Amino acid sequence: MNAGVLKRYVGTYKSDALRSEIVVSVFNKKLRFTATGNLRGRFDLKTVGVHTFEAEKVSPKLTLKFESKGDKAIMVSVSVGAQGPFSFNRK
């Protein structure tokens, strides 16, 4: 996926329920996930489906599924292994 298409997902997302924040950026033509708060870590993401990405080389599996409106993602659902999905809204 090219960097122009990936930009729709770039942004900061927040979950009050998990007290966590996610920053999604583009790094080396891939999405990068950085989380702070109760959910922590930084991972490069690979495309696995339409608006769906997984962290590379991580266990348990970390999956992000974005919901878009127009050309911009407005929410992301995050699943960690069998837990979730947890909703994060774009700030």
PDB file of N, CA and C in Angstrom:
ATOM      1  N   MET A   1       0.864  -1.180   0.000  1.00  0.00           N
ATOM      2  CA  MET A   1       0.000   0.000   0.000  1.00  0.00           C
ATOM      3  C   MET A   1       0.904   1.234   0.000  1.00  0.00           C
ATOM      4  N   ASN A   2       0.594   2.224  -0.824  1.00  0.00           N
ATOM      5  CA  ASN A   2       1.475   3.385  -0.912  1.00  0.00           C
ATOM      6  C   ASN A   2       1.208   4.372   0.227  1.00  0.00           C
ATOM      7  N   ALA A   3       2.197   5.220   0.477  1.00  0.00           N
ATOM      8  CA  ALA A   3       2.140   6.160   1.606  1.00  0.00           C
ATOM      9  C   ALA A   3       0.949   7.109   1.502  1.00  0.00           C
ATOM     10  N   GLY A   4       0.539   7.475   0.286  1.00  0.00           N
ATOM     11  CA  GLY A   4      -0.609   8.363   0.113  1.00  0.00           C
ATOM     12  C   GLY A   4      -1.895   7.746   0.642  1.00  0.00           C
ATOM     13  N   VAL A   5      -2.100   6.479   0.373  1.00  0.00           N
ATOM     14  CA  VAL A   5      -3.287   5.773   0.864  1.00  0.00           C
ATOM     15  C   VAL A   5      -3.211   5.603   2.379  1.00  0.00           C
ATOM     16  N   LEU A   6      -2.028   5.325   2.890  1.00  0.00           N
ATOM     17  CA  LEU A   6      -1.852   5.111   4.334  1.00  0.00           C
ATOM     18  C   LEU A   6      -2.153   6.352   5.157  1.00  0.00           C
ATOM     19  N   LYS A   7      -2.000   7.530   4.557  1.00  0.00           N
ATOM     20  CA  LYS A   7      -2.205   8.785   5.301  1.00  0.00           C
ATOM     21  C   LYS A   7      -3.616   8.917   5.852  1.00  0.00           C
ATOM     22  N   ARG A   8      -4.594   8.239   5.256  1.00  0.00           N
ATOM     23  CA  ARG A   8      -5.973   8.315   5.771  1.00  0.00           C
ATOM     24  C   ARG A   8      -6.067   7.799   7.204  1.00  0.00           C
ATOM     25  N   TYR A   9      -5.143   6.918   7.593  1.00  0.00           N
ATOM     26  CA  TYR A   9      -5.180   6.316   8.923  1.00  0.00           C
ATOM     27  C   TYR A   9      -4.346   7.076   9.953  1.00  0.00           C
ATOM     28  N   VAL A  10      -3.471   7.955   9.484  1.00  0.00           N
ATOM     29  CA  VAL A  10      -2.549   8.680  10.364  1.00  0.00           C
ATOM     30  C   VAL A  10      -3.329   9.607  11.287  1.00  0.00           C
ATOM     31  N   GLY A  11      -2.986   9.558  12.569  1.00  0.00           N
ATOM     32  CA  GLY A  11      -3.635  10.434  13.537  1.00  0.00           C
ATOM     33  C   GLY A  11      -3.511   9.889  14.940  1.00  0.00           C
ATOM     34  N   THR A  12      -4.169  10.578  15.859  1.00  0.00           N
ATOM     35  CA  THR A  12      -4.180  10.192  17.266  1.00  0.00           C
ATOM     36  C   THR A  12      -5.583   9.735  17.628  1.00  0.00           C
ATOM     37  N   TYR A  13      -5.666   8.605  18.296  1.00  0.00           N
ATOM     38  CA  TYR A  13      -6.931   8.000  18.689  1.00  0.00           C
ATOM     39  C   TYR A  13      -6.906   7.769  20.202  1.00  0.00           C
ATOM     40  N   LYS A  14      -8.069   7.911  20.840  1.00  0.00           N
ATOM     41  CA  LYS A  14      -8.116   7.827  22.298  1.00  0.00           C
ATOM     42  C   LYS A  14      -9.250   6.918  22.759  1.00  0.00           C
ATOM     43  N   SER A  15      -8.967   6.148  23.813  1.00  0.00           N
ATOM     44  CA  SER A  15      -9.984   5.321  24.462  1.00  0.00           C
ATOM     45  C   SER A  15     -10.057   5.720  25.925  1.00  0.00           C
ATOM     46  N   ASP A  16     -11.190   6.307  26.324  1.00  0.00           N
ATOM     47  CA  ASP A  16     -11.372   6.641  27.736  1.00  0.00           C
ATOM     48  C   ASP A  16     -11.537   5.377  28.572  1.00  0.00           C
ATOM     49  N   ALA A  17     -12.185   4.356  28.009  1.00  0.00           N
ATOM     50  CA  ALA A  17     -12.417   3.107  28.739  1.00  0.00           C
ATOM     51  C   ALA A  17     -11.103   2.429  29.119  1.00  0.00           C
ATOM     52  N   LEU A  18     -10.129   2.434  28.209  1.00  0.00           N
ATOM     53  CA  LEU A  18      -8.826   1.805  28.489  1.00  0.00           C
ATOM     54  C   LEU A  18      -7.805   2.786  29.045  1.00  0.00           C
ATOM     55  N   ARG A  19      -8.172   4.061  29.052  1.00  0.00           N
ATOM     56  CA  ARG A  19      -7.234   5.111  29.460  1.00  0.00           C
ATOM     57  C   ARG A  19      -5.925   4.992  28.687  1.00  0.00           C
ATOM     58  N   SER A  20      -6.068   4.918  27.364  1.00  0.00           N
ATOM     59  CA  SER A  20      -4.925   4.764  26.474  1.00  0.00           C
ATOM     60  C   SER A  20      -5.082   5.665  25.267  1.00  0.00           C
ATOM     61  N   GLU A  21      -3.959   5.959  24.650  1.00  0.00           N
ATOM     62  CA  GLU A  21      -3.930   6.765  23.441  1.00  0.00           C
ATOM     63  C   GLU A  21      -3.055   6.058  22.423  1.00  0.00           C
ATOM     64  N   ILE A  22      -3.479   6.097  21.163  1.00  0.00           N
ATOM     65  CA  ILE A  22      -2.743   5.485  20.061  1.00  0.00           C
ATOM     66  C   ILE A  22      -2.362   6.583  19.079  1.00  0.00           C
ATOM     67  N   VAL A  23      -1.126   6.536  18.625  1.00  0.00           N
ATOM     68  CA  VAL A  23      -0.681   7.405  17.545  1.00  0.00           C
ATOM     69  C   VAL A  23      -0.336   6.492  16.375  1.00  0.00           C
ATOM     70  N   VAL A  24      -0.947   6.752  15.224  1.00  0.00           N
ATOM     71  CA  VAL A  24      -0.673   5.991  14.012  1.00  0.00           C
ATOM     72  C   VAL A  24       0.066   6.922  13.062  1.00  0.00           C
ATOM     73  N   SER A  25       1.220   6.470  12.583  1.00  0.00           N
ATOM     74  CA  SER A  25       2.046   7.274  11.682  1.00  0.00           C
ATOM     75  C   SER A  25       2.519   6.394  10.526  1.00  0.00           C
ATOM     76  N   VAL A  26       3.140   7.012   9.533  1.00  0.00           N
ATOM     77  CA  VAL A  26       3.734   6.270   8.423  1.00  0.00           C
ATOM     78  C   VAL A  26       5.241   6.300   8.604  1.00  0.00           C
ATOM     79  N   PHE A  27       5.869   5.119   8.542  1.00  0.00           N
ATOM     80  CA  PHE A  27       7.313   4.987   8.682  1.00  0.00           C
ATOM     81  C   PHE A  27       7.777   3.926   7.685  1.00  0.00           C
ATOM     82  N   ASN A  28       8.702   4.288   6.800  1.00  0.00           N
ATOM     83  CA  ASN A  28       9.208   3.362   5.773  1.00  0.00           C
ATOM     84  C   ASN A  28       8.075   2.717   4.962  1.00  0.00           C
ATOM     85  N   LYS A  29       7.112   3.528   4.542  1.00  0.00           N
ATOM     86  CA  LYS A  29       5.984   3.104   3.705  1.00  0.00           C
ATOM     87  C   LYS A  29       5.084   2.069   4.383  1.00  0.00           C
ATOM     88  N   LYS A  30       5.088   2.061   5.724  1.00  0.00           N
ATOM     89  CA  LYS A  30       4.209   1.187   6.499  1.00  0.00           C
ATOM     90  C   LYS A  30       3.581   2.012   7.608  1.00  0.00           C
ATOM     91  N   LEU A  31       2.443   1.529   8.094  1.00  0.00           N
ATOM     92  CA  LEU A  31       1.857   2.171   9.268  1.00  0.00           C
ATOM     93  C   LEU A  31       2.623   1.743  10.500  1.00  0.00           C
ATOM     94  N   ARG A  32       2.755   2.663  11.427  1.00  0.00           N
ATOM     95  CA  ARG A  32       3.383   2.380  12.718  1.00  0.00           C
ATOM     96  C   ARG A  32       2.392   2.744  13.810  1.00  0.00           C
ATOM     97  N   PHE A  33       2.237   1.853  14.761  1.00  0.00           N
ATOM     98  CA  PHE A  33       1.324   1.969  15.887  1.00  0.00           C
ATOM     99  C   PHE A  33       2.156   2.245  17.134  1.00  0.00           C
ATOM    100  N   THR A  34       1.848   3.341  17.838  1.00  0.00           N
ATOM    101  CA  THR A  34       2.503   3.644  19.105  1.00  0.00           C
ATOM    102  C   THR A  34       1.408   3.912  20.123  1.00  0.00           C
ATOM    103  N   ALA A  35       1.451   3.181  21.243  1.00  0.00           N
ATOM    104  CA  ALA A  35       0.404   3.313  22.256  1.00  0.00           C
ATOM    105  C   ALA A  35       1.006   3.714  23.597  1.00  0.00           C
ATOM    106  N   THR A  36       0.238   4.527  24.332  1.00  0.00           N
ATOM    107  CA  THR A  36       0.625   4.939  25.673  1.00  0.00           C
ATOM    108  C   THR A  36      -0.560   4.719  26.603  1.00  0.00           C
ATOM    109  N   GLY A  37      -0.304   4.724  27.892  1.00  0.00           N
ATOM    110  CA  GLY A  37      -1.363   4.479  28.871  1.00  0.00           C
ATOM    111  C   GLY A  37      -1.384   3.010  29.232  1.00  0.00           C
ATOM    112  N   ASN A  38      -2.574   2.453  29.451  1.00  0.00           N
ATOM    113  CA  ASN A  38      -2.696   1.041  29.820  1.00  0.00           C
ATOM    114  C   ASN A  38      -2.295   0.096  28.693  1.00  0.00           C
ATOM    115  N   LEU A  39      -2.424   0.548  27.464  1.00  0.00           N
ATOM    116  CA  LEU A  39      -1.997  -0.219  26.297  1.00  0.00           C
ATOM    117  C   LEU A  39      -0.706   0.426  25.809  1.00  0.00           C
ATOM    118  N   ARG A  40       0.402  -0.330  25.818  1.00  0.00           N
ATOM    119  CA  ARG A  40       1.702   0.273  25.489  1.00  0.00           C
ATOM    120  C   ARG A  40       2.424  -0.514  24.418  1.00  0.00           C
ATOM    121  N   GLY A  41       3.269   0.184  23.672  1.00  0.00           N
ATOM    122  CA  GLY A  41       4.122  -0.471  22.702  1.00  0.00           C
ATOM    123  C   GLY A  41       4.218   0.309  21.408  1.00  0.00           C
ATOM    124  N   ARG A  42       5.158  -0.124  20.556  1.00  0.00           N
ATOM    125  CA  ARG A  42       5.330   0.469  19.232  1.00  0.00           C
ATOM    126  C   ARG A  42       5.606  -0.668  18.256  1.00  0.00           C
ATOM    127  N   PHE A  43       4.791  -0.737  17.212  1.00  0.00           N
ATOM    128  CA  PHE A  43       4.890  -1.828  16.255  1.00  0.00           C
ATOM    129  C   PHE A  43       4.647  -1.326  14.846  1.00  0.00           C
ATOM    130  N   ASP A  44       5.356  -1.919  13.889  1.00  0.00           N
ATOM    131  CA  ASP A  44       5.052  -1.692  12.489  1.00  0.00           C
ATOM    132  C   ASP A  44       3.895  -2.605  12.124  1.00  0.00           C
ATOM    133  N   LEU A  45       3.022  -2.141  11.216  1.00  0.00           N
ATOM    134  CA  LEU A  45       1.811  -2.872  10.870  1.00  0.00           C
ATOM    135  C   LEU A  45       1.853  -3.353   9.429  1.00  0.00           C
ATOM    136  N   LYS A  46       1.282  -4.529   9.190  1.00  0.00           N
ATOM    137  CA  LYS A  46       1.151  -5.047   7.829  1.00  0.00           C
ATOM    138  C   LYS A  46      -0.329  -5.108   7.479  1.00  0.00           C
ATOM    139  N   THR A  47      -0.642  -4.900   6.216  1.00  0.00           N
ATOM    140  CA  THR A  47      -2.021  -4.945   5.731  1.00  0.00           C
ATOM    141  C   THR A  47      -2.471  -6.399   5.663  1.00  0.00           C
ATOM    142  N   VAL A  48      -3.658  -6.680   6.238  1.00  0.00           N
ATOM    143  CA  VAL A  48      -4.213  -8.040   6.172  1.00  0.00           C
ATOM    144  C   VAL A  48      -5.613  -8.059   5.563  1.00  0.00           C
ATOM    145  N   GLY A  49      -6.188  -6.895   5.314  1.00  0.00           N
ATOM    146  CA  GLY A  49      -7.517  -6.799   4.720  1.00  0.00           C
ATOM    147  C   GLY A  49      -7.882  -5.347   4.504  1.00  0.00           C
ATOM    148  N   VAL A  50      -9.108  -5.121   4.048  1.00  0.00           N
ATOM    149  CA  VAL A  50      -9.582  -3.761   3.822  1.00  0.00           C
ATOM    150  C   VAL A  50      -9.659  -3.037   5.160  1.00  0.00           C
ATOM    151  N   HIS A  51      -8.914  -1.972   5.324  1.00  0.00           N
ATOM    152  CA  HIS A  51      -8.858  -1.161   6.547  1.00  0.00           C
ATOM    153  C   HIS A  51      -8.390  -1.960   7.766  1.00  0.00           C
ATOM    154  N   THR A  52      -7.739  -3.112   7.552  1.00  0.00           N
ATOM    155  CA  THR A  52      -7.339  -3.986   8.651  1.00  0.00           C
ATOM    156  C   THR A  52      -5.837  -4.246   8.596  1.00  0.00           C
ATOM    157  N   PHE A  53      -5.204  -4.122   9.759  1.00  0.00           N
ATOM    158  CA  PHE A  53      -3.752  -4.263   9.864  1.00  0.00           C
ATOM    159  C   PHE A  53      -3.412  -5.100  11.092  1.00  0.00           C
ATOM    160  N   GLU A  54      -2.243  -5.763  11.046  1.00  0.00           N
ATOM    161  CA  GLU A  54      -1.736  -6.513  12.183  1.00  0.00           C
ATOM    162  C   GLU A  54      -0.312  -6.073  12.471  1.00  0.00           C
ATOM    163  N   ALA A  55       0.038  -6.129  13.742  1.00  0.00           N
ATOM    164  CA  ALA A  55       1.416  -5.831  14.134  1.00  0.00           C
ATOM    165  C   ALA A  55       2.317  -6.962  13.660  1.00  0.00           C
ATOM    166  N   GLU A  56       3.496  -6.586  13.183  1.00  0.00           N
ATOM    167  CA  GLU A  56       4.462  -7.577  12.730  1.00  0.00           C
ATOM    168  C   GLU A  56       5.263  -8.103  13.914  1.00  0.00           C
ATOM    169  N   LYS A  57       5.517  -9.399  13.907  1.00  0.00           N
ATOM    170  CA  LYS A  57       6.412 -10.037  14.879  1.00  0.00           C
ATOM    171  C   LYS A  57       6.000  -9.775  16.324  1.00  0.00           C
ATOM    172  N   VAL A  58       4.729  -9.972  16.651  1.00  0.00           N
ATOM    173  CA  VAL A  58       4.271  -9.762  18.019  1.00  0.00           C
ATOM    174  C   VAL A  58       3.291 -10.873  18.399  1.00  0.00           C
ATOM    175  N   SER A  59       3.388 -11.296  19.641  1.00  0.00           N
ATOM    176  CA  SER A  59       2.460 -12.290  20.165  1.00  0.00           C
ATOM    177  C   SER A  59       2.036 -11.847  21.553  1.00  0.00           C
ATOM    178  N   PRO A  60       0.748 -11.853  21.883  1.00  0.00           N
ATOM    179  CA  PRO A  60      -0.368 -12.306  21.069  1.00  0.00           C
ATOM    180  C   PRO A  60      -0.640 -11.333  19.928  1.00  0.00           C
ATOM    181  N   LYS A  61      -1.422 -11.795  18.968  1.00  0.00           N
ATOM    182  CA  LYS A  61      -1.718 -11.012  17.768  1.00  0.00           C
ATOM    183  C   LYS A  61      -2.397  -9.694  18.131  1.00  0.00           C
ATOM    184  N   LEU A  62      -1.932  -8.623  17.525  1.00  0.00           N
ATOM    185  CA  LEU A  62      -2.492  -7.279  17.696  1.00  0.00           C
ATOM    186  C   LEU A  62      -3.094  -6.857  16.360  1.00  0.00           C
ATOM    187  N   THR A  63      -4.409  -6.639  16.342  1.00  0.00           N
ATOM    188  CA  THR A  63      -5.128  -6.314  15.104  1.00  0.00           C
ATOM    189  C   THR A  63      -5.802  -4.961  15.231  1.00  0.00           C
ATOM    190  N   LEU A  64      -5.672  -4.135  14.197  1.00  0.00           N
ATOM    191  CA  LEU A  64      -6.336  -2.838  14.133  1.00  0.00           C
ATOM    192  C   LEU A  64      -7.269  -2.831  12.932  1.00  0.00           C
ATOM    193  N   LYS A  65      -8.525  -2.472  13.155  1.00  0.00           N
ATOM    194  CA  LYS A  65      -9.501  -2.349  12.067  1.00  0.00           C
ATOM    195  C   LYS A  65     -10.055  -0.933  12.115  1.00  0.00           C
ATOM    196  N   PHE A  66      -9.812  -0.180  11.039  1.00  0.00           N
ATOM    197  CA  PHE A  66     -10.208   1.221  10.970  1.00  0.00           C
ATOM    198  C   PHE A  66     -11.588   1.376  10.353  1.00  0.00           C
ATOM    199  N   GLU A  67     -12.304   2.380  10.832  1.00  0.00           N
ATOM    200  CA  GLU A  67     -13.568   2.793  10.221  1.00  0.00           C
ATOM    201  C   GLU A  67     -13.323   4.167   9.620  1.00  0.00           C
ATOM    202  N   SER A  68     -13.635   4.311   8.342  1.00  0.00           N
ATOM    203  CA  SER A  68     -13.369   5.566   7.637  1.00  0.00           C
ATOM    204  C   SER A  68     -14.654   6.283   7.274  1.00  0.00           C
ATOM    205  N   LYS A  69     -14.534   7.585   7.176  1.00  0.00           N
ATOM    206  CA  LYS A  69     -15.606   8.430   6.664  1.00  0.00           C
ATOM    207  C   LYS A  69     -14.947   9.325   5.622  1.00  0.00           C
ATOM    208  N   GLY A  70     -15.346   9.164   4.377  1.00  0.00           N
ATOM    209  CA  GLY A  70     -14.667   9.886   3.309  1.00  0.00           C
ATOM    210  C   GLY A  70     -13.260   9.350   3.158  1.00  0.00           C
ATOM    211  N   ASP A  71     -12.279  10.240   3.163  1.00  0.00           N
ATOM    212  CA  ASP A  71     -10.891   9.813   2.991  1.00  0.00           C
ATOM    213  C   ASP A  71     -10.096   9.844   4.296  1.00  0.00           C
ATOM    214  N   LYS A  72     -10.801   9.770   5.440  1.00  0.00           N
ATOM    215  CA  LYS A  72     -10.119   9.845   6.727  1.00  0.00           C
ATOM    216  C   LYS A  72     -10.703   8.827   7.701  1.00  0.00           C
ATOM    217  N   ALA A  73      -9.822   8.122   8.421  1.00  0.00           N
ATOM    218  CA  ALA A  73     -10.275   7.194   9.457  1.00  0.00           C
ATOM    219  C   ALA A  73     -10.803   7.996  10.642  1.00  0.00           C
ATOM    220  N   ILE A  74     -11.926   7.560  11.211  1.00  0.00           N
ATOM    221  CA  ILE A  74     -12.530   8.265  12.348  1.00  0.00           C
ATOM    222  C   ILE A  74     -12.486   7.443  13.630  1.00  0.00           C
ATOM    223  N   MET A  75     -12.222   6.133  13.489  1.00  0.00           N
ATOM    224  CA  MET A  75     -12.190   5.257  14.642  1.00  0.00           C
ATOM    225  C   MET A  75     -11.343   4.039  14.305  1.00  0.00           C
ATOM    226  N   VAL A  76     -10.759   3.437  15.334  1.00  0.00           N
ATOM    227  CA  VAL A  76     -10.039   2.182  15.150  1.00  0.00           C
ATOM    228  C   VAL A  76     -10.436   1.229  16.273  1.00  0.00           C
ATOM    229  N   SER A  77     -10.671  -0.023  15.911  1.00  0.00           N
ATOM    230  CA  SER A  77     -10.945  -1.076  16.883  1.00  0.00           C
ATOM    231  C   SER A  77      -9.681  -1.899  17.026  1.00  0.00           C
ATOM    232  N   VAL A  78      -9.254  -2.106  18.263  1.00  0.00           N
ATOM    233  CA  VAL A  78      -8.009  -2.812  18.540  1.00  0.00           C
ATOM    234  C   VAL A  78      -8.323  -4.105  19.287  1.00  0.00           C
ATOM    235  N   SER A  79      -7.782  -5.208  18.787  1.00  0.00           N
ATOM    236  CA  SER A  79      -7.904  -6.501  19.457  1.00  0.00           C
ATOM    237  C   SER A  79      -6.503  -6.998  19.782  1.00  0.00           C
ATOM    238  N   VAL A  80      -6.346  -7.542  20.994  1.00  0.00           N
ATOM    239  CA  VAL A  80      -5.076  -8.114  21.424  1.00  0.00           C
ATOM    240  C   VAL A  80      -5.356  -9.570  21.785  1.00  0.00           C
ATOM    241  N   GLY A  81      -4.885 -10.477  20.930  1.00  0.00           N
ATOM    242  CA  GLY A  81      -5.207 -11.885  21.133  1.00  0.00           C
ATOM    243  C   GLY A  81      -6.715 -12.069  21.115  1.00  0.00           C
ATOM    244  N   ALA A  82      -7.255 -12.704  22.162  1.00  0.00           N
ATOM    245  CA  ALA A  82      -8.699 -12.941  22.254  1.00  0.00           C
ATOM    246  C   ALA A  82      -9.435 -11.783  22.924  1.00  0.00           C
ATOM    247  N   GLN A  83      -8.710 -10.751  23.364  1.00  0.00           N
ATOM    248  CA  GLN A  83      -9.334  -9.613  24.044  1.00  0.00           C
ATOM    249  C   GLN A  83      -9.701  -8.520  23.046  1.00  0.00           C
ATOM    250  N   GLY A  84     -10.862  -7.940  23.268  1.00  0.00           N
ATOM    251  CA  GLY A  84     -11.305  -6.854  22.410  1.00  0.00           C
ATOM    252  C   GLY A  84     -12.373  -7.333  21.463  1.00  0.00           C
ATOM    253  N   PRO A  85     -12.780  -6.495  20.550  1.00  0.00           N
ATOM    254  CA  PRO A  85     -12.110  -5.240  20.174  1.00  0.00           C
ATOM    255  C   PRO A  85     -12.434  -4.087  21.134  1.00  0.00           C
ATOM    256  N   PHE A  86     -11.451  -3.185  21.246  1.00  0.00           N
ATOM    257  CA  PHE A  86     -11.570  -1.968  22.046  1.00  0.00           C
ATOM    258  C   PHE A  86     -11.599  -0.789  21.076  1.00  0.00           C
ATOM    259  N   SER A  87     -12.554   0.113  21.267  1.00  0.00           N
ATOM    260  CA  SER A  87     -12.731   1.245  20.349  1.00  0.00           C
ATOM    261  C   SER A  87     -11.905   2.449  20.771  1.00  0.00           C
ATOM    262  N   PHE A  88     -11.248   3.047  19.793  1.00  0.00           N
ATOM    263  CA  PHE A  88     -10.484   4.280  19.965  1.00  0.00           C
ATOM    264  C   PHE A  88     -11.021   5.275  18.957  1.00  0.00           C
ATOM    265  N   ASN A  89     -11.439   6.441  19.419  1.00  0.00           N
ATOM    266  CA  ASN A  89     -11.956   7.494  18.542  1.00  0.00           C
ATOM    267  C   ASN A  89     -10.856   8.478  18.193  1.00  0.00           C
ATOM    268  N   ARG A  90     -10.904   8.972  16.968  1.00  0.00           N
ATOM    269  CA  ARG A  90      -9.921   9.972  16.518  1.00  0.00           C
ATOM    270  C   ARG A  90     -10.092  11.242  17.315  1.00  0.00           C
ATOM    271  N   LYS A  91      -8.992  11.811  17.739  1.00  0.00           N
ATOM    272  CA  LYS A  91      -9.012  13.070  18.488  1.00  0.00           C
ATOM    273  C   LYS A  91      -9.129  14.237  17.543  1.00  0.00           C
TER     274      LYS A  91
END
